[in-house]
Amino acid sequence: MHSVSQQQAAEANPVSRKERTRFWRDARFRQMECLTASFITHEFAPHSHDTFSIGAIETGCQLASIRGTREHTGPGALYLINPGEVHDGQPGAPDGYRYRMIYPETQVLTDIIEDVTGRSFNGTPHFGRQLLTDPDLASAFIRAHDRIESGEPADLAGEESMYCVLATMFARHGSEIIRAPDHREPLAMRRVRDYICAHFDEDIGLEALARVAGLSRAHMIRAFRREYFITPHAFQTDMRIRHARHLLRLGATPSDTAAACGFADQAHMTRQFKARTGLTPAVFRAA
């Protein structure tokens, strides 16, 4: 397990010196990404992940939006966000908040579920609620997270603790779904989404997306936001950042990654990357 600590500071603003992040990957859980962070002013832009986003507030308060619902979350709250679900977050109080997050791949949860049940799990792990209150489980998660952060890579106690917490989370709040085409999504918006996914690294105009949808530009923007809680441009940027994370994990340089993902330059990618992850590409890559 390798870790990188980053103090995000601005000399002109003493408050921002309190903002800190620690990011690492844990080999015991398929190189699961882990984050401990304290944010006073940082606001996450709407974004999503290829992985689950699971976490808890340790101190303070965060204001978060997901599925069109905006809620204040504090100690005792859990985040159980499924892959691909758009969400954001910002401090919900003047003193900000400190929280702990993990980003396990779907296979991590599947492995745990199969170990616990002793049978094959043929569906996809899924959480029905994304923001909920479960003080006991939130406290257990924070303790487990602290153990894998402060312990050695081969520390059995930390691994066992996080394993049991994830198993309990799914048993208490999870469900199984069988992947199938989502017929609730309007076909036109699926076409737009799929087009952006296929051309995320290119310059895409509203006129092109409107033609894909068979709607006017204004109608297409409204319909897309209604369906995915994000604008087409923000969705494209999010796809670029998700691909950038993949390339950086493979060791690509930030400059090469920016070019490959369609950003105008490295500085532009860095701003967008930090707005969605709380980290710079260099810190993310070095972990």
C-alpha atoms as a PDB file:
ATOM      1  CA  MET A   1       0.000   0.000   0.000  1.00  0.00           C
ATOM      2  CA  HIS A   2       1.479   3.331  -1.035  1.00  0.00           C
ATOM      3  CA  SER A   3       0.236   6.676   0.216  1.00  0.00           C
ATOM      4  CA  VAL A   4       0.596  10.330  -0.667  1.00  0.00           C
ATOM      5  CA  SER A   5      -0.201  13.215   1.682  1.00  0.00           C
ATOM      6  CA  GLN A   6      -1.089  16.637   0.296  1.00  0.00           C
ATOM      7  CA  GLN A   7      -1.686  19.882   2.170  1.00  0.00           C
ATOM      8  CA  GLN A   8      -3.715  22.181   0.006  1.00  0.00           C
ATOM      9  CA  ALA A   9      -2.690  25.683   1.045  1.00  0.00           C
ATOM     10  CA  ALA A  10      -3.056  29.217  -0.194  1.00  0.00           C
ATOM     11  CA  GLU A  11      -0.767  31.735   1.467  1.00  0.00           C
ATOM     12  CA  ALA A  12      -3.325  34.511   1.082  1.00  0.00           C
ATOM     13  CA  ASN A  13      -6.026  32.555   2.880  1.00  0.00           C
ATOM     14  CA  PRO A  14      -5.053  31.096   6.271  1.00  0.00           C
ATOM     15  CA  VAL A  15      -8.286  29.082   6.502  1.00  0.00           C
ATOM     16  CA  SER A  16      -7.402  27.034   3.450  1.00  0.00           C
ATOM     17  CA  ARG A  17      -4.244  25.772   5.182  1.00  0.00           C
ATOM     18  CA  LYS A  18      -6.524  23.499   7.174  1.00  0.00           C
ATOM     19  CA  GLU A  19      -7.555  21.680   4.002  1.00  0.00           C
ATOM     20  CA  ARG A  20      -5.726  18.391   3.749  1.00  0.00           C
ATOM     21  CA  THR A  21      -6.079  15.222   1.749  1.00  0.00           C
ATOM     22  CA  ARG A  22      -4.450  11.831   2.028  1.00  0.00           C
ATOM     23  CA  PHE A  23      -4.933   9.440  -0.871  1.00  0.00           C
ATOM     24  CA  TRP A  24      -3.686   5.882  -1.300  1.00  0.00           C
ATOM     25  CA  ARG A  25      -4.504   2.546  -2.880  1.00  0.00           C
ATOM     26  CA  ASP A  26      -4.942  -0.646  -0.886  1.00  0.00           C
ATOM     27  CA  ALA A  27      -3.704  -3.835  -2.561  1.00  0.00           C
ATOM     28  CA  ARG A  28      -5.739  -6.036  -0.212  1.00  0.00           C
ATOM     29  CA  PHE A  29      -8.931  -4.839  -1.881  1.00  0.00           C
ATOM     30  CA  ARG A  30      -7.909  -4.904  -5.549  1.00  0.00           C
ATOM     31  CA  GLN A  31      -5.976  -1.605  -5.347  1.00  0.00           C
ATOM     32  CA  MET A  32      -9.034   0.123  -3.903  1.00  0.00           C
ATOM     33  CA  GLU A  33      -8.649   3.906  -3.821  1.00  0.00           C
ATOM     34  CA  CYS A  34      -8.936   5.443  -0.349  1.00  0.00           C
ATOM     35  CA  LEU A  35      -9.227   9.058   0.759  1.00  0.00           C
ATOM     36  CA  THR A  36      -9.111  10.936   4.033  1.00  0.00           C
ATOM     37  CA  ALA A  37      -9.843  14.634   3.615  1.00  0.00           C
ATOM     38  CA  SER A  38     -10.626  17.828   5.469  1.00  0.00           C
ATOM     39  CA  PHE A  39     -12.286  20.513   3.337  1.00  0.00           C
ATOM     40  CA  ILE A  40     -13.145  24.057   4.401  1.00  0.00           C
ATOM     41  CA  THR A  41     -13.890  25.757   1.093  1.00  0.00           C
ATOM     42  CA  HIS A  42     -13.431  23.120  -1.618  1.00  0.00           C
ATOM     43  CA  GLU A  43     -16.595  22.398  -3.616  1.00  0.00           C
ATOM     44  CA  PHE A  44     -16.850  19.230  -5.691  1.00  0.00           C
ATOM     45  CA  ALA A  45     -18.275  19.722  -9.158  1.00  0.00           C
ATOM     46  CA  PRO A  46     -20.966  17.217 -10.208  1.00  0.00           C
ATOM     47  CA  HIS A  47     -19.159  14.005 -11.093  1.00  0.00           C
ATOM     48  CA  SER A  48     -19.384  10.226 -11.032  1.00  0.00           C
ATOM     49  CA  HIS A  49     -17.067   7.247 -10.642  1.00  0.00           C
ATOM     50  CA  ASP A  50     -16.569   3.909 -12.352  1.00  0.00           C
ATOM     51  CA  THR A  51     -16.474   2.429  -8.846  1.00  0.00           C
ATOM     52  CA  PHE A  52     -18.663   2.595  -5.773  1.00  0.00           C
ATOM     53  CA  SER A  53     -18.156   5.653  -3.545  1.00  0.00           C
ATOM     54  CA  ILE A  54     -18.560   4.658   0.097  1.00  0.00           C
ATOM     55  CA  GLY A  55     -17.822   6.943   3.011  1.00  0.00           C
ATOM     56  CA  ALA A  56     -18.775   8.702   6.220  1.00  0.00           C
ATOM     57  CA  ILE A  57     -18.442  12.138   7.757  1.00  0.00           C
ATOM     58  CA  GLU A  58     -16.078  12.164  10.726  1.00  0.00           C
ATOM     59  CA  THR A  59     -16.610  15.757  11.865  1.00  0.00           C
ATOM     60  CA  GLY A  60     -18.452  18.797  10.535  1.00  0.00           C
ATOM     61  CA  CYS A  61     -21.126  18.933   7.866  1.00  0.00           C
ATOM     62  CA  GLN A  62     -21.313  18.471   4.097  1.00  0.00           C
ATOM     63  CA  LEU A  63     -24.041  19.567   1.707  1.00  0.00           C
ATOM     64  CA  ALA A  64     -24.400  16.941  -1.020  1.00  0.00           C
ATOM     65  CA  SER A  65     -26.661  16.436  -4.035  1.00  0.00           C
ATOM     66  CA  ILE A  66     -27.545  13.161  -5.731  1.00  0.00           C
ATOM     67  CA  ARG A  67     -30.532  12.118  -7.863  1.00  0.00           C
ATOM     68  CA  GLY A  68     -31.922  15.632  -7.625  1.00  0.00           C
ATOM     69  CA  THR A  69     -31.989  15.558  -3.810  1.00  0.00           C
ATOM     70  CA  ARG A  70     -29.853  17.930  -1.747  1.00  0.00           C
ATOM     71  CA  GLU A  71     -29.110  17.020   1.868  1.00  0.00           C
ATOM     72  CA  HIS A  72     -26.923  18.056   4.796  1.00  0.00           C
ATOM     73  CA  THR A  73     -24.864  15.154   6.089  1.00  0.00           C
ATOM     74  CA  GLY A  74     -22.838  14.956   9.288  1.00  0.00           C
ATOM     75  CA  PRO A  75     -21.463  12.365  11.720  1.00  0.00           C
ATOM     76  CA  GLY A  76     -23.551   9.208  11.608  1.00  0.00           C
ATOM     77  CA  ALA A  77     -24.324   9.605   7.896  1.00  0.00           C
ATOM     78  CA  LEU A  78     -23.215   7.138   5.241  1.00  0.00           C
ATOM     79  CA  TYR A  79     -22.562   7.617   1.528  1.00  0.00           C
ATOM     80  CA  LEU A  80     -23.417   4.507  -0.494  1.00  0.00           C
ATOM     81  CA  ILE A  81     -23.114   5.752  -4.057  1.00  0.00           C
ATOM     82  CA  ASN A  82     -23.324   3.287  -6.931  1.00  0.00           C
ATOM     83  CA  PRO A  83     -21.015   3.449  -9.972  1.00  0.00           C
ATOM     84  CA  GLY A  84     -22.038   6.070 -12.511  1.00  0.00           C
ATOM     85  CA  GLU A  85     -24.305   8.056 -10.184  1.00  0.00           C
ATOM     86  CA  VAL A  86     -23.728  11.801 -10.453  1.00  0.00           C
ATOM     87  CA  HIS A  87     -23.164  13.621  -7.164  1.00  0.00           C
ATOM     88  CA  ASP A  88     -21.421  16.669  -5.742  1.00  0.00           C
ATOM     89  CA  GLY A  89     -20.485  18.047  -2.336  1.00  0.00           C
ATOM     90  CA  GLN A  90     -19.512  21.210  -0.529  1.00  0.00           C
ATOM     91  CA  PRO A  91     -18.980  22.348   3.063  1.00  0.00           C
ATOM     92  CA  GLY A  92     -22.281  22.701   4.861  1.00  0.00           C
ATOM     93  CA  ALA A  93     -20.900  24.741   7.761  1.00  0.00           C
ATOM     94  CA  PRO A  94     -18.224  27.459   8.179  1.00  0.00           C
ATOM     95  CA  ASP A  95     -15.724  25.012   9.675  1.00  0.00           C
ATOM     96  CA  GLY A  96     -16.158  22.548   6.810  1.00  0.00           C
ATOM     97  CA  TYR A  97     -15.933  18.816   7.365  1.00  0.00           C
ATOM     98  CA  ARG A  98     -13.600  15.854   7.608  1.00  0.00           C
ATOM     99  CA  TYR A  99     -14.574  12.609   5.943  1.00  0.00           C
ATOM    100  CA  ARG A 100     -13.278   9.213   4.912  1.00  0.00           C
ATOM    101  CA  MET A 101     -14.021   7.544   1.578  1.00  0.00           C
ATOM    102  CA  ILE A 102     -13.221   4.350  -0.291  1.00  0.00           C
ATOM    103  CA  TYR A 103     -13.841   3.607  -3.959  1.00  0.00           C
ATOM    104  CA  PRO A 104     -14.163  -0.176  -4.335  1.00  0.00           C
ATOM    105  CA  GLU A 105     -14.663  -1.778  -7.711  1.00  0.00           C
ATOM    106  CA  THR A 106     -17.833  -3.798  -8.186  1.00  0.00           C
ATOM    107  CA  GLN A 107     -15.788  -6.996  -8.048  1.00  0.00           C
ATOM    108  CA  VAL A 108     -14.605  -6.185  -4.517  1.00  0.00           C
ATOM    109  CA  LEU A 109     -18.177  -6.241  -3.211  1.00  0.00           C
ATOM    110  CA  THR A 110     -19.014  -9.274  -5.335  1.00  0.00           C
ATOM    111  CA  ASP A 111     -16.054 -11.184  -3.859  1.00  0.00           C
ATOM    112  CA  ILE A 112     -17.132 -10.320  -0.315  1.00  0.00           C
ATOM    113  CA  ILE A 113     -20.772 -11.250  -0.942  1.00  0.00           C
ATOM    114  CA  GLU A 114     -19.758 -14.611  -2.410  1.00  0.00           C
ATOM    115  CA  ASP A 115     -17.426 -15.283   0.537  1.00  0.00           C
ATOM    116  CA  VAL A 116     -20.143 -14.491   3.065  1.00  0.00           C
ATOM    117  CA  THR A 117     -22.966 -16.375   1.346  1.00  0.00           C
ATOM    118  CA  GLY A 118     -20.897 -19.247   0.001  1.00  0.00           C
ATOM    119  CA  ARG A 119     -22.644 -19.084  -3.357  1.00  0.00           C
ATOM    120  CA  SER A 120     -22.183 -17.472  -6.722  1.00  0.00           C
ATOM    121  CA  PHE A 121     -23.479 -13.917  -7.035  1.00  0.00           C
ATOM    122  CA  ASN A 122     -24.793 -13.500 -10.560  1.00  0.00           C
ATOM    123  CA  GLY A 123     -26.256 -10.008 -10.378  1.00  0.00           C
ATOM    124  CA  THR A 124     -24.720  -6.623  -9.645  1.00  0.00           C
ATOM    125  CA  PRO A 125     -24.320  -5.204  -6.126  1.00  0.00           C
ATOM    126  CA  HIS A 126     -26.467  -2.111  -5.694  1.00  0.00           C
ATOM    127  CA  PHE A 127     -27.460   0.295  -2.932  1.00  0.00           C
ATOM    128  CA  GLY A 128     -31.031   1.571  -3.050  1.00  0.00           C
ATOM    129  CA  ARG A 129     -30.331   4.684  -0.957  1.00  0.00           C
ATOM    130  CA  GLN A 130     -27.238   6.816  -1.394  1.00  0.00           C
ATOM    131  CA  LEU A 131     -27.414   9.185   1.594  1.00  0.00           C
ATOM    132  CA  LEU A 132     -28.642   7.637   4.819  1.00  0.00           C
ATOM    133  CA  THR A 133     -28.127   7.694   8.573  1.00  0.00           C
ATOM    134  CA  ASP A 134     -26.694   4.643  10.340  1.00  0.00           C
ATOM    135  CA  PRO A 135     -24.535   5.867  13.258  1.00  0.00           C
ATOM    136  CA  ASP A 136     -23.263   2.455  14.355  1.00  0.00           C
ATOM    137  CA  LEU A 137     -22.216   1.391  10.885  1.00  0.00           C
ATOM    138  CA  ALA A 138     -20.758   4.818  10.105  1.00  0.00           C
ATOM    139  CA  SER A 139     -18.623   4.618  13.263  1.00  0.00           C
ATOM    140  CA  ALA A 140     -17.514   1.091  12.366  1.00  0.00           C
ATOM    141  CA  PHE A 141     -16.560   2.270   8.882  1.00  0.00           C
ATOM    142  CA  ILE A 142     -14.526   5.174  10.270  1.00  0.00           C
ATOM    143  CA  ARG A 143     -12.651   2.824  12.632  1.00  0.00           C
ATOM    144  CA  ALA A 144     -11.954   0.365   9.808  1.00  0.00           C
ATOM    145  CA  HIS A 145     -10.826   3.150   7.496  1.00  0.00           C
ATOM    146  CA  ASP A 146      -8.477   4.529  10.160  1.00  0.00           C
ATOM    147  CA  ARG A 147      -6.982   1.069  10.628  1.00  0.00           C
ATOM    148  CA  ILE A 148      -6.185   0.541   6.967  1.00  0.00           C
ATOM    149  CA  GLU A 149      -4.804   4.079   6.768  1.00  0.00           C
ATOM    150  CA  SER A 150      -2.526   3.850   9.787  1.00  0.00           C
ATOM    151  CA  GLY A 151      -1.682   0.135   9.686  1.00  0.00           C
ATOM    152  CA  GLU A 152       0.873  -1.775   7.666  1.00  0.00           C
ATOM    153  CA  PRO A 153      -0.079  -3.304   4.289  1.00  0.00           C
ATOM    154  CA  ALA A 154      -0.058  -6.778   5.825  1.00  0.00           C
ATOM    155  CA  ASP A 155      -2.022  -5.745   8.931  1.00  0.00           C
ATOM    156  CA  LEU A 156      -4.697  -8.411   9.428  1.00  0.00           C
ATOM    157  CA  ALA A 157      -6.790  -6.330  11.825  1.00  0.00           C
ATOM    158  CA  GLY A 158      -7.303  -3.542   9.300  1.00  0.00           C
ATOM    159  CA  GLU A 159      -8.169  -5.886   6.471  1.00  0.00           C
ATOM    160  CA  GLU A 160     -10.574  -7.900   8.606  1.00  0.00           C
ATOM    161  CA  SER A 161     -12.243  -4.765   9.943  1.00  0.00           C
ATOM    162  CA  MET A 162     -12.931  -3.261   6.514  1.00  0.00           C
ATOM    163  CA  TYR A 163     -14.019  -6.630   5.129  1.00  0.00           C
ATOM    164  CA  CYS A 164     -16.623  -7.041   7.885  1.00  0.00           C
ATOM    165  CA  VAL A 165     -17.884  -3.477   7.499  1.00  0.00           C
ATOM    166  CA  LEU A 166     -18.424  -3.872   3.750  1.00  0.00           C
ATOM    167  CA  ALA A 167     -20.181  -7.190   4.296  1.00  0.00           C
ATOM    168  CA  THR A 168     -22.479  -5.570   6.871  1.00  0.00           C
ATOM    169  CA  MET A 169     -23.170  -2.586   4.621  1.00  0.00           C
ATOM    170  CA  PHE A 170     -24.400  -4.793   1.838  1.00  0.00           C
ATOM    171  CA  ALA A 171     -26.387  -7.059   4.144  1.00  0.00           C
ATOM    172  CA  ARG A 172     -28.100  -4.054   5.737  1.00  0.00           C
ATOM    173  CA  HIS A 173     -28.517  -1.632   2.848  1.00  0.00           C
ATOM    174  CA  GLY A 174     -27.663  -3.455  -0.376  1.00  0.00           C
ATOM    175  CA  SER A 175     -29.587  -5.396  -2.970  1.00  0.00           C
ATOM    176  CA  GLU A 176     -28.960  -7.427  -6.101  1.00  0.00           C
ATOM    177  CA  ILE A 177     -29.972  -6.282  -9.541  1.00  0.00           C
ATOM    178  CA  ILE A 178     -29.739  -8.060 -12.848  1.00  0.00           C
ATOM    179  CA  ARG A 179     -28.415  -5.737 -15.489  1.00  0.00           C
ATOM    180  CA  ALA A 180     -30.859  -5.137 -18.300  1.00  0.00           C
ATOM    181  CA  PRO A 181     -31.637  -2.233 -20.615  1.00  0.00           C
ATOM    182  CA  ASP A 182     -33.271   0.567 -18.637  1.00  0.00           C
ATOM    183  CA  HIS A 183     -36.471   1.199 -20.538  1.00  0.00           C
ATOM    184  CA  ARG A 184     -37.339   4.076 -18.229  1.00  0.00           C
ATOM    185  CA  GLU A 185     -34.709   6.222 -19.905  1.00  0.00           C
ATOM    186  CA  PRO A 186     -36.036   8.087 -22.912  1.00  0.00           C
ATOM    187  CA  LEU A 187     -34.427   6.607 -25.983  1.00  0.00           C
ATOM    188  CA  ALA A 188     -33.326  10.015 -27.258  1.00  0.00           C
ATOM    189  CA  MET A 189     -31.361  10.738 -24.099  1.00  0.00           C
ATOM    190  CA  ARG A 190     -29.705   7.322 -24.184  1.00  0.00           C
ATOM    191  CA  ARG A 191     -28.561   8.114 -27.712  1.00  0.00           C
ATOM    192  CA  VAL A 192     -27.095  11.436 -26.577  1.00  0.00           C
ATOM    193  CA  ARG A 193     -25.378   9.853 -23.586  1.00  0.00           C
ATOM    194  CA  ASP A 194     -23.918   7.055 -25.691  1.00  0.00           C
ATOM    195  CA  TYR A 195     -22.743   9.527 -28.317  1.00  0.00           C
ATOM    196  CA  ILE A 196     -20.910  11.590 -25.697  1.00  0.00           C
ATOM    197  CA  CYS A 197     -19.347   8.436 -24.222  1.00  0.00           C
ATOM    198  CA  ALA A 198     -18.070   7.436 -27.670  1.00  0.00           C
ATOM    199  CA  HIS A 199     -16.734  10.917 -28.511  1.00  0.00           C
ATOM    200  CA  PHE A 200     -15.843  12.361 -25.095  1.00  0.00           C
ATOM    201  CA  ASP A 201     -12.321  13.327 -26.229  1.00  0.00           C
ATOM    202  CA  GLU A 202     -13.592  15.323 -29.203  1.00  0.00           C
ATOM    203  CA  ASP A 203     -15.090  18.779 -29.547  1.00  0.00           C
ATOM    204  CA  ILE A 204     -18.851  18.169 -29.612  1.00  0.00           C
ATOM    205  CA  GLY A 205     -21.302  20.916 -30.489  1.00  0.00           C
ATOM    206  CA  LEU A 206     -24.862  21.311 -29.281  1.00  0.00           C
ATOM    207  CA  GLU A 207     -26.107  21.059 -32.847  1.00  0.00           C
ATOM    208  CA  ALA A 208     -24.584  17.597 -33.230  1.00  0.00           C
ATOM    209  CA  LEU A 209     -26.173  16.405 -29.979  1.00  0.00           C
ATOM    210  CA  ALA A 210     -29.506  17.897 -30.947  1.00  0.00           C
ATOM    211  CA  ARG A 211     -29.399  15.941 -34.212  1.00  0.00           C
ATOM    212  CA  VAL A 212     -28.608  12.740 -32.310  1.00  0.00           C
ATOM    213  CA  ALA A 213     -31.601  13.341 -30.056  1.00  0.00           C
ATOM    214  CA  GLY A 214     -33.910  14.583 -32.786  1.00  0.00           C
ATOM    215  CA  LEU A 215     -34.756  17.593 -30.614  1.00  0.00           C
ATOM    216  CA  SER A 216     -34.004  21.278 -30.510  1.00  0.00           C
ATOM    217  CA  ARG A 217     -30.850  22.289 -28.660  1.00  0.00           C
ATOM    218  CA  ALA A 218     -32.763  23.838 -25.753  1.00  0.00           C
ATOM    219  CA  HIS A 219     -35.117  20.857 -25.464  1.00  0.00           C
ATOM    220  CA  MET A 220     -32.195  18.417 -25.580  1.00  0.00           C
ATOM    221  CA  ILE A 221     -30.327  20.220 -22.759  1.00  0.00           C
ATOM    222  CA  ARG A 222     -33.417  20.296 -20.535  1.00  0.00           C
ATOM    223  CA  ALA A 223     -34.236  16.645 -21.195  1.00  0.00           C
ATOM    224  CA  PHE A 224     -30.661  15.498 -20.572  1.00  0.00           C
ATOM    225  CA  ARG A 225     -30.452  17.360 -17.260  1.00  0.00           C
ATOM    226  CA  ARG A 226     -33.831  15.963 -16.227  1.00  0.00           C
ATOM    227  CA  GLU A 227     -32.675  12.415 -16.976  1.00  0.00           C
ATOM    228  CA  TYR A 228     -29.092  12.494 -15.651  1.00  0.00           C
ATOM    229  CA  PHE A 229     -29.047  15.507 -13.279  1.00  0.00           C
ATOM    230  CA  ILE A 230     -26.158  17.027 -15.233  1.00  0.00           C
ATOM    231  CA  THR A 231     -25.743  19.017 -18.447  1.00  0.00           C
ATOM    232  CA  PRO A 232     -24.305  17.392 -21.601  1.00  0.00           C
ATOM    233  CA  HIS A 233     -21.127  19.487 -21.313  1.00  0.00           C
ATOM    234  CA  ALA A 234     -20.639  18.591 -17.644  1.00  0.00           C
ATOM    235  CA  PHE A 235     -21.241  14.929 -18.490  1.00  0.00           C
ATOM    236  CA  GLN A 236     -18.574  15.092 -21.212  1.00  0.00           C
ATOM    237  CA  THR A 237     -16.117  16.671 -18.773  1.00  0.00           C
ATOM    238  CA  ASP A 238     -16.890  13.984 -16.223  1.00  0.00           C
ATOM    239  CA  MET A 239     -16.228  11.273 -18.813  1.00  0.00           C
ATOM    240  CA  ARG A 240     -12.887  12.921 -19.586  1.00  0.00           C
ATOM    241  CA  ILE A 241     -11.939  12.920 -15.908  1.00  0.00           C
ATOM    242  CA  ARG A 242     -12.977   9.296 -15.471  1.00  0.00           C
ATOM    243  CA  HIS A 243     -10.735   8.347 -18.420  1.00  0.00           C
ATOM    244  CA  ALA A 244      -7.956  10.543 -17.050  1.00  0.00           C
ATOM    245  CA  ARG A 245      -8.065   8.627 -13.762  1.00  0.00           C
ATOM    246  CA  HIS A 246      -7.631   5.394 -15.710  1.00  0.00           C
ATOM    247  CA  LEU A 247      -4.649   6.682 -17.687  1.00  0.00           C
ATOM    248  CA  LEU A 248      -2.964   8.198 -14.629  1.00  0.00           C
ATOM    249  CA  ARG A 249      -3.340   4.906 -12.748  1.00  0.00           C
ATOM    250  CA  LEU A 250      -1.501   3.247 -15.632  1.00  0.00           C
ATOM    251  CA  GLY A 251       1.357   5.743 -15.233  1.00  0.00           C
ATOM    252  CA  ALA A 252       0.641   8.231 -18.032  1.00  0.00           C
ATOM    253  CA  THR A 253       1.969  11.740 -17.421  1.00  0.00           C
ATOM    254  CA  PRO A 254      -0.515  14.532 -16.717  1.00  0.00           C
ATOM    255  CA  SER A 255       0.409  16.297 -19.956  1.00  0.00           C
ATOM    256  CA  ASP A 256      -0.087  13.175 -22.086  1.00  0.00           C
ATOM    257  CA  THR A 257      -3.303  12.417 -20.231  1.00  0.00           C
ATOM    258  CA  ALA A 258      -4.678  15.901 -20.877  1.00  0.00           C
ATOM    259  CA  ALA A 259      -4.040  15.525 -24.603  1.00  0.00           C
ATOM    260  CA  ALA A 260      -5.511  12.021 -24.755  1.00  0.00           C
ATOM    261  CA  CYS A 261      -8.694  13.104 -22.967  1.00  0.00           C
ATOM    262  CA  GLY A 262      -9.373  16.138 -25.133  1.00  0.00           C
ATOM    263  CA  PHE A 263      -8.476  18.916 -22.712  1.00  0.00           C
ATOM    264  CA  ALA A 264      -7.101  22.159 -24.130  1.00  0.00           C
ATOM    265  CA  ASP A 265      -4.005  21.874 -21.940  1.00  0.00           C
ATOM    266  CA  GLN A 266      -2.706  20.339 -18.719  1.00  0.00           C
ATOM    267  CA  ALA A 267      -3.777  23.316 -16.604  1.00  0.00           C
ATOM    268  CA  HIS A 268      -7.370  22.945 -17.780  1.00  0.00           C
ATOM    269  CA  MET A 269      -7.376  19.254 -16.907  1.00  0.00           C
ATOM    270  CA  THR A 270      -5.849  19.950 -13.489  1.00  0.00           C
ATOM    271  CA  ARG A 271      -8.598  22.422 -12.593  1.00  0.00           C
ATOM    272  CA  GLN A 272     -11.343  20.020 -13.664  1.00  0.00           C
ATOM    273  CA  PHE A 273      -9.638  17.010 -12.035  1.00  0.00           C
ATOM    274  CA  LYS A 274      -9.257  18.731  -8.667  1.00  0.00           C
ATOM    275  CA  ALA A 275     -12.837  20.012  -8.813  1.00  0.00           C
ATOM    276  CA  ARG A 276     -14.078  16.402  -9.045  1.00  0.00           C
ATOM    277  CA  THR A 277     -11.574  14.496  -6.900  1.00  0.00           C
ATOM    278  CA  GLY A 278     -10.121  16.997  -4.444  1.00  0.00           C
ATOM    279  CA  LEU A 279      -6.658  15.981  -5.706  1.00  0.00           C
ATOM    280  CA  THR A 280      -4.281  17.160  -8.391  1.00  0.00           C
ATOM    281  CA  PRO A 281      -3.465  14.679 -11.192  1.00  0.00           C
ATOM    282  CA  ALA A 282       0.143  14.507  -9.948  1.00  0.00           C
ATOM    283  CA  VAL A 283      -0.899  13.427  -6.440  1.00  0.00           C
ATOM    284  CA  PHE A 284      -3.411  10.917  -7.839  1.00  0.00           C
ATOM    285  CA  ARG A 285      -0.761   9.438 -10.166  1.00  0.00           C
ATOM    286  CA  ALA A 286       1.938   9.192  -7.473  1.00  0.00           C
ATOM    287  CA  ALA A 287      -0.119   7.148  -5.013  1.00  0.00           C
END
